[in-house]
PDB file of N, CA and C in Angstrom:
ATOM      1  N   UNK A   1      45.759 -16.295-120.556  1.00  0.00           N
ATOM      2  CA  UNK A   1      46.411 -16.685-119.257  1.00  0.00           C
ATOM      3  C   UNK A   1      45.025 -16.592-118.315  1.00  0.00           C
ATOM      4  N   UNK A   2      44.616 -17.737-117.369  1.00  0.00           N
ATOM      5  CA  UNK A   2      43.286 -18.009-116.776  1.00  0.00           C
ATOM      6  C   UNK A   2      43.884 -17.424-115.074  1.00  0.00           C
ATOM      7  N   UNK A   3      42.396 -16.711-114.379  1.00  0.00           N
ATOM      8  CA  UNK A   3      42.080 -16.388-113.785  1.00  0.00           C
ATOM      9  C   UNK A   3      43.220 -16.641-111.867  1.00  0.00           C
ATOM     10  N   UNK A   4      43.445 -18.229-112.228  1.00  0.00           N
ATOM     11  CA  UNK A   4      44.043 -18.571-111.575  1.00  0.00           C
ATOM     12  C   UNK A   4      45.789 -18.025-111.505  1.00  0.00           C
ATOM     13  N   UNK A   5      46.197 -18.520-112.972  1.00  0.00           N
ATOM     14  CA  UNK A   5      47.746 -18.512-113.463  1.00  0.00           C
ATOM     15  C   UNK A   5      48.028 -16.881-113.123  1.00  0.00           C
ATOM     16  N   UNK A   6      46.905 -16.166-113.527  1.00  0.00           N
ATOM     17  CA  UNK A   6      47.006 -14.153-112.844  1.00  0.00           C
ATOM     18  C   UNK A   6      46.977 -14.304-111.345  1.00  0.00           C
ATOM     19  N   UNK A   7      46.342 -15.111-110.455  1.00  0.00           N
ATOM     20  CA  UNK A   7      46.956 -15.098-108.961  1.00  0.00           C
ATOM     21  C   UNK A   7      48.204 -15.921-108.688  1.00  0.00           C
ATOM     22  N   UNK A   8      48.586 -17.211-109.486  1.00  0.00           N
ATOM     23  CA  UNK A   8      49.921 -17.459-109.027  1.00  0.00           C
ATOM     24  C   UNK A   8      50.775 -15.971-108.877  1.00  0.00           C
ATOM     25  N   UNK A   9      51.002 -15.279-110.929  1.00  0.00           N
ATOM     26  CA  UNK A   9      51.891 -14.686-111.363  1.00  0.00           C
ATOM     27  C   UNK A   9      51.855 -13.708-110.100  1.00  0.00           C
ATOM     28  N   UNK A  10      50.926 -12.839-109.491  1.00  0.00           N
ATOM     29  CA  UNK A  10      50.721 -12.116-108.723  1.00  0.00           C
ATOM     30  C   UNK A  10      51.488 -12.368-107.341  1.00  0.00           C
ATOM     31  N   UNK A  11      51.135 -12.880-106.668  1.00  0.00           N
ATOM     32  CA  UNK A  11      51.560 -13.750-105.595  1.00  0.00           C
ATOM     33  C   UNK A  11      53.397 -14.200-105.827  1.00  0.00           C
ATOM     34  N   UNK A  12      53.948 -14.109-106.840  1.00  0.00           N
ATOM     35  CA  UNK A  12      55.117 -14.151-107.141  1.00  0.00           C
ATOM     36  C   UNK A  12      56.310 -12.365-106.601  1.00  0.00           C
ATOM     37  N   UNK A  13      55.142 -11.264-106.737  1.00  0.00           N
ATOM     38  CA  UNK A  13      55.560 -10.124-106.480  1.00  0.00           C
ATOM     39  C   UNK A  13      56.071  -9.575-105.570  1.00  0.00           C
ATOM     40  N   UNK A  14      56.505  -8.919-104.519  1.00  0.00           N
ATOM     41  CA  UNK A  14      56.431  -8.551-103.537  1.00  0.00           C
ATOM     42  C   UNK A  14      55.929  -7.336-103.326  1.00  0.00           C
ATOM     43  N   UNK A  15      55.467  -6.248-104.437  1.00  0.00           N
ATOM     44  CA  UNK A  15      54.843  -5.090-104.969  1.00  0.00           C
ATOM     45  C   UNK A  15      53.288  -5.523-105.345  1.00  0.00           C
ATOM     46  N   UNK A  16      53.187  -6.993-105.427  1.00  0.00           N
ATOM     47  CA  UNK A  16      51.843  -7.254-106.056  1.00  0.00           C
ATOM     48  C   UNK A  16      50.437  -6.750-104.893  1.00  0.00           C
ATOM     49  N   UNK A  17      49.842  -6.419-105.565  1.00  0.00           N
ATOM     50  CA  UNK A  17      48.162  -6.569-104.748  1.00  0.00           C
ATOM     51  C   UNK A  17      47.105  -6.806-104.814  1.00  0.00           C
ATOM     52  N   UNK A  18      46.219  -6.933-104.102  1.00  0.00           N
ATOM     53  CA  UNK A  18      44.168  -7.592-104.953  1.00  0.00           C
ATOM     54  C   UNK A  18      44.714  -6.085-105.648  1.00  0.00           C
ATOM     55  N   UNK A  19      44.832  -4.718-106.077  1.00  0.00           N
ATOM     56  CA  UNK A  19      44.440  -4.338-107.086  1.00  0.00           C
ATOM     57  C   UNK A  19      44.827  -4.444-108.327  1.00  0.00           C
ATOM     58  N   UNK A  20      45.852  -4.636-107.977  1.00  0.00           N
ATOM     59  CA  UNK A  20      46.477  -5.058-109.581  1.00  0.00           C
ATOM     60  C   UNK A  20      46.523  -6.363-110.001  1.00  0.00           C
ATOM     61  N   UNK A  21      45.671  -7.356-109.460  1.00  0.00           N
ATOM     62  CA  UNK A  21      45.156  -8.308-109.356  1.00  0.00           C
ATOM     63  C   UNK A  21      44.077  -8.174-110.435  1.00  0.00           C
ATOM     64  N   UNK A  22      43.067  -7.560-109.872  1.00  0.00           N
ATOM     65  CA  UNK A  22      42.232  -7.180-110.466  1.00  0.00           C
ATOM     66  C   UNK A  22      41.962  -6.761-112.029  1.00  0.00           C
ATOM     67  N   UNK A  23      43.169  -6.077-111.555  1.00  0.00           N
ATOM     68  CA  UNK A  23      42.817  -4.600-113.173  1.00  0.00           C
ATOM     69  C   UNK A  23      43.502  -6.264-113.527  1.00  0.00           C
ATOM     70  N   UNK A  24      44.593  -6.363-113.878  1.00  0.00           N
ATOM     71  CA  UNK A  24      45.463  -8.263-114.308  1.00  0.00           C
ATOM     72  C   UNK A  24      43.735  -8.919-115.254  1.00  0.00           C
ATOM     73  N   UNK A  25      43.804  -8.843-114.184  1.00  0.00           N
ATOM     74  CA  UNK A  25      41.944  -9.927-114.170  1.00  0.00           C
ATOM     75  C   UNK A  25      41.367  -9.319-115.549  1.00  0.00           C
ATOM     76  N   UNK A  26      40.771  -8.192-115.258  1.00  0.00           N
ATOM     77  CA  UNK A  26      40.431  -6.863-115.743  1.00  0.00           C
ATOM     78  C   UNK A  26      40.879  -7.357-118.151  1.00  0.00           C
ATOM     79  N   UNK A  27      42.116  -6.666-117.432  1.00  0.00           N
ATOM     80  CA  UNK A  27      42.397  -6.115-118.890  1.00  0.00           C
ATOM     81  C   UNK A  27      42.956  -7.708-119.436  1.00  0.00           C
ATOM     82  N   UNK A  28      42.804  -8.890-119.445  1.00  0.00           N
ATOM     83  CA  UNK A  28      43.274 -10.785-119.295  1.00  0.00           C
ATOM     84  C   UNK A  28      41.637 -10.987-120.506  1.00  0.00           C
ATOM     85  N   UNK A  29      40.272 -10.944-118.974  1.00  0.00           N
ATOM     86  CA  UNK A  29      39.016 -11.305-119.442  1.00  0.00           C
ATOM     87  C   UNK A  29      38.129 -10.407-119.237  1.00  0.00           C
ATOM     88  N   UNK A  30      37.851  -9.232-119.044  1.00  0.00           N
ATOM     89  CA  UNK A  30      36.272  -7.964-119.592  1.00  0.00           C
ATOM     90  C   UNK A  30      37.166  -7.956-120.555  1.00  0.00           C
ATOM     91  N   UNK A  31      35.401  -8.496-121.651  1.00  0.00           N
ATOM     92  CA  UNK A  31      35.474  -8.488-122.901  1.00  0.00           C
ATOM     93  C   UNK A  31      35.631  -9.440-123.927  1.00  0.00           C
ATOM     94  N   UNK A  32      36.416  -9.909-123.166  1.00  0.00           N
ATOM     95  CA  UNK A  32      37.320 -10.995-123.751  1.00  0.00           C
ATOM     96  C   UNK A  32      36.828 -12.260-123.924  1.00  0.00           C
ATOM     97  N   UNK A  33      36.483 -12.960-122.447  1.00  0.00           N
ATOM     98  CA  UNK A  33      35.894 -13.886-121.702  1.00  0.00           C
ATOM     99  C   UNK A  33      34.609 -14.040-121.863  1.00  0.00           C
ATOM    100  N   UNK A  34      33.767 -14.915-121.907  1.00  0.00           N
ATOM    101  CA  UNK A  34      32.547 -14.603-121.666  1.00  0.00           C
ATOM    102  C   UNK A  34      32.935 -15.221-120.797  1.00  0.00           C
ATOM    103  N   UNK A  35      33.264 -16.413-119.584  1.00  0.00           N
ATOM    104  CA  UNK A  35      32.944 -16.446-117.791  1.00  0.00           C
ATOM    105  C   UNK A  35      33.815 -15.627-117.675  1.00  0.00           C
ATOM    106  N   UNK A  36      33.982 -14.603-117.653  1.00  0.00           N
ATOM    107  CA  UNK A  36      33.773 -13.356-117.258  1.00  0.00           C
ATOM    108  C   UNK A  36      33.407 -11.810-116.813  1.00  0.00           C
ATOM    109  N   UNK A  37      33.535 -11.275-116.096  1.00  0.00           N
ATOM    110  CA  UNK A  37      32.199 -10.203-116.291  1.00  0.00           C
ATOM    111  C   UNK A  37      32.513  -9.359-114.946  1.00  0.00           C
ATOM    112  N   UNK A  38      31.887  -8.020-115.552  1.00  0.00           N
ATOM    113  CA  UNK A  38      32.365  -6.892-114.568  1.00  0.00           C
ATOM    114  C   UNK A  38      30.842  -6.469-113.767  1.00  0.00           C
ATOM    115  N   UNK A  39      30.271  -6.809-111.798  1.00  0.00           N
ATOM    116  CA  UNK A  39      28.778  -6.893-111.979  1.00  0.00           C
ATOM    117  C   UNK A  39      27.990  -5.766-112.229  1.00  0.00           C
ATOM    118  N   UNK A  40      26.827  -5.960-112.036  1.00  0.00           N
ATOM    119  CA  UNK A  40      26.436  -4.641-111.945  1.00  0.00           C
ATOM    120  C   UNK A  40      25.719  -4.512-110.430  1.00  0.00           C
ATOM    121  N   UNK A  41      26.120  -2.342-110.686  1.00  0.00           N
ATOM    122  CA  UNK A  41      25.782  -2.276-108.903  1.00  0.00           C
ATOM    123  C   UNK A  41      24.200  -2.500-108.654  1.00  0.00           C
ATOM    124  N   UNK A  42      24.450  -2.708-107.003  1.00  0.00           N
ATOM    125  CA  UNK A  42      23.336  -3.617-106.524  1.00  0.00           C
ATOM    126  C   UNK A  42      22.536  -2.376-105.404  1.00  0.00           C
ATOM    127  N   UNK A  43      21.225  -2.541-105.293  1.00  0.00           N
ATOM    128  CA  UNK A  43      21.256  -0.721-104.112  1.00  0.00           C
ATOM    129  C   UNK A  43      20.972  -1.768-103.027  1.00  0.00           C
ATOM    130  N   UNK A  44      20.690  -3.499-103.219  1.00  0.00           N
ATOM    131  CA  UNK A  44      19.945  -4.190-101.944  1.00  0.00           C
ATOM    132  C   UNK A  44      21.707  -4.922-101.715  1.00  0.00           C
ATOM    133  N   UNK A  45      22.699  -4.954-102.024  1.00  0.00           N
ATOM    134  CA  UNK A  45      23.535  -5.823-101.737  1.00  0.00           C
ATOM    135  C   UNK A  45      24.643  -5.326-100.263  1.00  0.00           C
ATOM    136  N   UNK A  46      24.868  -5.714 -99.349  1.00  0.00           N
ATOM    137  CA  UNK A  46      25.985  -4.982 -98.270  1.00  0.00           C
ATOM    138  C   UNK A  46      27.515  -5.200 -98.767  1.00  0.00           C
ATOM    139  N   UNK A  47      27.503  -5.586 -99.337  1.00  0.00           N
ATOM    140  CA  UNK A  47      28.839  -6.130-100.175  1.00  0.00           C
ATOM    141  C   UNK A  47      29.250  -5.580-101.335  1.00  0.00           C
ATOM    142  N   UNK A  48      29.521  -5.205-102.795  1.00  0.00           N
ATOM    143  CA  UNK A  48      29.414  -4.695-104.274  1.00  0.00           C
ATOM    144  C   UNK A  48      30.584  -6.202-104.351  1.00  0.00           C
ATOM    145  N   UNK A  49      30.466  -7.168-105.385  1.00  0.00           N
ATOM    146  CA  UNK A  49      31.697  -7.645-106.419  1.00  0.00           C
ATOM    147  C   UNK A  49      31.923  -7.112-106.657  1.00  0.00           C
ATOM    148  N   UNK A  50      33.401  -7.788-106.642  1.00  0.00           N
ATOM    149  CA  UNK A  50      34.438  -6.146-107.990  1.00  0.00           C
ATOM    150  C   UNK A  50      34.085  -7.082-109.142  1.00  0.00           C
ATOM    151  N   UNK A  51      33.897  -8.333-108.959  1.00  0.00           N
ATOM    152  CA  UNK A  51      34.521  -9.572-110.263  1.00  0.00           C
ATOM    153  C   UNK A  51      32.848 -10.295-110.700  1.00  0.00           C
ATOM    154  N   UNK A  52      32.523 -11.117-111.644  1.00  0.00           N
ATOM    155  CA  UNK A  52      31.876 -11.969-111.259  1.00  0.00           C
ATOM    156  C   UNK A  52      32.277 -13.188-112.800  1.00  0.00           C
ATOM    157  N   UNK A  53      32.174 -14.158-111.927  1.00  0.00           N
ATOM    158  CA  UNK A  53      32.492 -15.771-112.676  1.00  0.00           C
ATOM    159  C   UNK A  53      30.929 -16.340-113.073  1.00  0.00           C
ATOM    160  N   UNK A  54      31.598 -16.883-114.485  1.00  0.00           N
ATOM    161  CA  UNK A  54      30.010 -17.477-114.725  1.00  0.00           C
ATOM    162  C   UNK A  54      29.441 -18.578-115.188  1.00  0.00           C
ATOM    163  N   UNK A  55      29.515 -19.107-114.319  1.00  0.00           N
ATOM    164  CA  UNK A  55      29.575 -21.101-114.268  1.00  0.00           C
ATOM    165  C   UNK A  55      28.851 -22.131-114.888  1.00  0.00           C
ATOM    166  N   UNK A  56      28.657 -22.850-114.919  1.00  0.00           N
ATOM    167  CA  UNK A  56      27.322 -23.372-114.891  1.00  0.00           C
ATOM    168  C   UNK A  56      26.646 -24.185-114.176  1.00  0.00           C
ATOM    169  N   UNK A  57      26.234 -23.706-113.153  1.00  0.00           N
ATOM    170  CA  UNK A  57      25.486 -24.058-111.708  1.00  0.00           C
ATOM    171  C   UNK A  57      25.327 -22.572-111.239  1.00  0.00           C
ATOM    172  N   UNK A  58      25.625 -21.302-112.159  1.00  0.00           N
ATOM    173  CA  UNK A  58      25.469 -20.331-112.106  1.00  0.00           C
ATOM    174  C   UNK A  58      26.309 -18.573-111.610  1.00  0.00           C
ATOM    175  N   UNK A  59      25.730 -18.277-111.274  1.00  0.00           N
ATOM    176  CA  UNK A  59      27.340 -16.799-111.093  1.00  0.00           C
ATOM    177  C   UNK A  59      28.245 -16.860-109.960  1.00  0.00           C
ATOM    178  N   UNK A  60      29.174 -16.263-110.410  1.00  0.00           N
ATOM    179  CA  UNK A  60      29.369 -16.591-109.017  1.00  0.00           C
ATOM    180  C   UNK A  60      30.239 -14.548-108.727  1.00  0.00           C
ATOM    181  N   UNK A  61      29.770 -13.950-107.479  1.00  0.00           N
ATOM    182  CA  UNK A  61      30.768 -13.403-107.503  1.00  0.00           C
ATOM    183  C   UNK A  61      31.356 -13.331-106.198  1.00  0.00           C
ATOM    184  N   UNK A  62      32.269 -12.098-107.026  1.00  0.00           N
ATOM    185  CA  UNK A  62      33.686 -12.143-106.170  1.00  0.00           C
ATOM    186  C   UNK A  62      34.497 -11.187-105.852  1.00  0.00           C
ATOM    187  N   UNK A  63      34.948 -10.400-104.235  1.00  0.00           N
ATOM    188  CA  UNK A  63      35.906  -9.327-104.502  1.00  0.00           C
ATOM    189  C   UNK A  63      36.774  -9.501-104.120  1.00  0.00           C
ATOM    190  N   UNK A  64      37.899  -8.834-104.535  1.00  0.00           N
ATOM    191  CA  UNK A  64      38.829  -9.203-104.745  1.00  0.00           C
ATOM    192  C   UNK A  64      40.132  -8.667-103.117  1.00  0.00           C
ATOM    193  N   UNK A  65      39.340  -8.441-102.142  1.00  0.00           N
ATOM    194  CA  UNK A  65      40.332  -8.556-101.038  1.00  0.00           C
ATOM    195  C   UNK A  65      40.316  -9.923-100.318  1.00  0.00           C
ATOM    196  N   UNK A  66      41.783 -10.121 -99.673  1.00  0.00           N
ATOM    197  CA  UNK A  66      42.470 -11.376 -99.864  1.00  0.00           C
ATOM    198  C   UNK A  66      43.084 -12.029-100.543  1.00  0.00           C
ATOM    199  N   UNK A  67      42.758 -11.507-101.693  1.00  0.00           N
ATOM    200  CA  UNK A  67      43.378 -12.310-102.796  1.00  0.00           C
ATOM    201  C   UNK A  67      45.061 -12.848-103.204  1.00  0.00           C
ATOM    202  N   UNK A  68      45.315 -11.854-102.510  1.00  0.00           N
ATOM    203  CA  UNK A  68      47.033 -11.246-102.831  1.00  0.00           C
ATOM    204  C   UNK A  68      47.896 -11.099-100.985  1.00  0.00           C
ATOM    205  N   UNK A  69      48.151 -12.041-100.682  1.00  0.00           N
ATOM    206  CA  UNK A  69      48.330 -11.279 -99.017  1.00  0.00           C
ATOM    207  C   UNK A  69      50.001 -11.378 -98.728  1.00  0.00           C
TER     208      UNK A  69
END
């Protein structure tokens, strides 16, 4: 199941949250997909990303907030 499919599924349930979305992402993709990863902690970043998507143009670091509202 892709990231957008997981997001769509989460939006259908009233009790879904950003935390459940992130949990499902890790359950379905972490260690299973070469295009998804857990970011390494950074001492210089103002905000820590919750997950990374490895794109042909570079790594996209994303936070889980406001995905599911």
